[in-house]
C-alpha atoms as a PDB file:
ATOM      1  CA  UNK A   1      27.567 -24.805 -37.536  1.00  0.00           C
ATOM      2  CA  UNK A   2      24.443 -25.316 -35.426  1.00  0.00           C
ATOM      3  CA  UNK A   3      23.887 -23.400 -32.250  1.00  0.00           C
ATOM      4  CA  UNK A   4      23.568 -25.325 -29.031  1.00  0.00           C
ATOM      5  CA  UNK A   5      20.402 -25.632 -26.966  1.00  0.00           C
ATOM      6  CA  UNK A   6      21.762 -23.370 -24.236  1.00  0.00           C
ATOM      7  CA  UNK A   7      22.416 -20.418 -26.522  1.00  0.00           C
ATOM      8  CA  UNK A   8      18.892 -20.691 -27.947  1.00  0.00           C
ATOM      9  CA  UNK A   9      17.497 -20.678 -24.424  1.00  0.00           C
ATOM     10  CA  UNK A  10      19.491 -17.581 -23.504  1.00  0.00           C
ATOM     11  CA  UNK A  11      18.361 -15.838 -26.675  1.00  0.00           C
ATOM     12  CA  UNK A  12      14.693 -16.588 -25.985  1.00  0.00           C
ATOM     13  CA  UNK A  13      15.024 -15.399 -22.376  1.00  0.00           C
ATOM     14  CA  UNK A  14      16.584 -12.147 -23.541  1.00  0.00           C
ATOM     15  CA  UNK A  15      13.882 -11.554 -26.129  1.00  0.00           C
ATOM     16  CA  UNK A  16      11.152 -12.264 -23.553  1.00  0.00           C
ATOM     17  CA  UNK A  17      12.768  -9.879 -21.078  1.00  0.00           C
ATOM     18  CA  UNK A  18      13.003  -7.086 -23.635  1.00  0.00           C
ATOM     19  CA  UNK A  19       9.400  -7.745 -24.707  1.00  0.00           C
ATOM     20  CA  UNK A  20       8.225  -7.339 -21.099  1.00  0.00           C
ATOM     21  CA  UNK A  21      10.036  -4.033 -20.754  1.00  0.00           C
ATOM     22  CA  UNK A  22       8.588  -2.551 -23.912  1.00  0.00           C
ATOM     23  CA  UNK A  23       4.998  -3.421 -23.064  1.00  0.00           C
ATOM     24  CA  UNK A  24       4.890  -1.487 -19.781  1.00  0.00           C
ATOM     25  CA  UNK A  25       4.010   2.155 -20.281  1.00  0.00           C
ATOM     26  CA  UNK A  26       6.215   4.635 -18.471  1.00  0.00           C
ATOM     27  CA  UNK A  27       4.709   6.407 -15.502  1.00  0.00           C
ATOM     28  CA  UNK A  28       4.433  10.135 -15.874  1.00  0.00           C
ATOM     29  CA  UNK A  29       5.724  12.417 -13.133  1.00  0.00           C
ATOM     30  CA  UNK A  30       2.121  13.058 -12.114  1.00  0.00           C
ATOM     31  CA  UNK A  31       1.410   9.332 -11.846  1.00  0.00           C
ATOM     32  CA  UNK A  32       4.482   8.808  -9.685  1.00  0.00           C
ATOM     33  CA  UNK A  33       3.543  11.723  -7.438  1.00  0.00           C
ATOM     34  CA  UNK A  34      -0.064  10.497  -7.128  1.00  0.00           C
ATOM     35  CA  UNK A  35       1.069   6.953  -6.293  1.00  0.00           C
ATOM     36  CA  UNK A  36       3.580   8.177  -3.709  1.00  0.00           C
ATOM     37  CA  UNK A  37       0.982  10.442  -2.087  1.00  0.00           C
ATOM     38  CA  UNK A  38      -1.504   7.569  -1.860  1.00  0.00           C
ATOM     39  CA  UNK A  39       1.117   5.243  -0.359  1.00  0.00           C
ATOM     40  CA  UNK A  40       2.039   7.927   2.177  1.00  0.00           C
ATOM     41  CA  UNK A  41      -1.603   8.428   3.137  1.00  0.00           C
ATOM     42  CA  UNK A  42      -2.113   4.670   3.505  1.00  0.00           C
ATOM     43  CA  UNK A  43       0.938   4.354   5.765  1.00  0.00           C
ATOM     44  CA  UNK A  44      -0.214   7.313   7.865  1.00  0.00           C
ATOM     45  CA  UNK A  45      -3.661   5.779   8.178  1.00  0.00           C
ATOM     46  CA  UNK A  46      -2.174   2.479   9.349  1.00  0.00           C
ATOM     47  CA  UNK A  47      -0.034   4.274  11.945  1.00  0.00           C
ATOM     48  CA  UNK A  48      -2.980   6.319  13.256  1.00  0.00           C
ATOM     49  CA  UNK A  49      -5.113   3.169  13.443  1.00  0.00           C
ATOM     50  CA  UNK A  50      -2.436   1.419  15.526  1.00  0.00           C
ATOM     51  CA  UNK A  51      -2.154   4.412  17.830  1.00  0.00           C
ATOM     52  CA  UNK A  52      -5.933   4.587  18.174  1.00  0.00           C
ATOM     53  CA  UNK A  53      -6.036   0.959  19.286  1.00  0.00           C
ATOM     54  CA  UNK A  54      -3.678   1.815  22.148  1.00  0.00           C
ATOM     55  CA  UNK A  55      -5.048   5.260  23.055  1.00  0.00           C
ATOM     56  CA  UNK A  56      -5.770   5.621  26.763  1.00  0.00           C
ATOM     57  CA  UNK A  57      -7.302   9.099  27.126  1.00  0.00           C
ATOM     58  CA  UNK A  58     -10.470  10.423  25.547  1.00  0.00           C
ATOM     59  CA  UNK A  59      -8.704  13.526  24.240  1.00  0.00           C
ATOM     60  CA  UNK A  60      -6.012  11.493  22.495  1.00  0.00           C
ATOM     61  CA  UNK A  61      -8.618   9.077  21.113  1.00  0.00           C
ATOM     62  CA  UNK A  62     -10.678  11.990  19.773  1.00  0.00           C
ATOM     63  CA  UNK A  63      -7.643  13.551  18.064  1.00  0.00           C
ATOM     64  CA  UNK A  64      -6.742  10.240  16.455  1.00  0.00           C
ATOM     65  CA  UNK A  65     -10.322   9.685  15.273  1.00  0.00           C
ATOM     66  CA  UNK A  66     -10.268  13.152  13.665  1.00  0.00           C
ATOM     67  CA  UNK A  67      -6.958  12.338  11.991  1.00  0.00           C
ATOM     68  CA  UNK A  68      -8.383   9.057  10.724  1.00  0.00           C
ATOM     69  CA  UNK A  69     -11.421  10.831   9.227  1.00  0.00           C
ATOM     70  CA  UNK A  70      -9.127  13.364   7.532  1.00  0.00           C
ATOM     71  CA  UNK A  71      -6.925  10.617   6.077  1.00  0.00           C
ATOM     72  CA  UNK A  72      -9.963   8.693   4.835  1.00  0.00           C
ATOM     73  CA  UNK A  73     -11.227  11.832   3.084  1.00  0.00           C
ATOM     74  CA  UNK A  74      -7.821  12.420   1.492  1.00  0.00           C
ATOM     75  CA  UNK A  75      -7.664   8.801   0.325  1.00  0.00           C
ATOM     76  CA  UNK A  76     -11.060   9.179  -1.343  1.00  0.00           C
ATOM     77  CA  UNK A  77      -9.704  12.171  -3.275  1.00  0.00           C
ATOM     78  CA  UNK A  78      -6.495  10.403  -4.288  1.00  0.00           C
END
């Protein structure tokens, strides 16, 4: 008995899906931690940049500029 077109399509989709999963290497715990740290630094940098755009006082602006420099340095290390 011959299989129908639909079952062949499902089978090929399943084999393609499993092939895609096996090709991706697993992230190590260090890789995950490094990626999460970088994402956190990038989000902090975006927040500080937004605050800097709206800063009214020189003292606040200076503190935000220092924070931005620190975050840029940390991003270079990450």
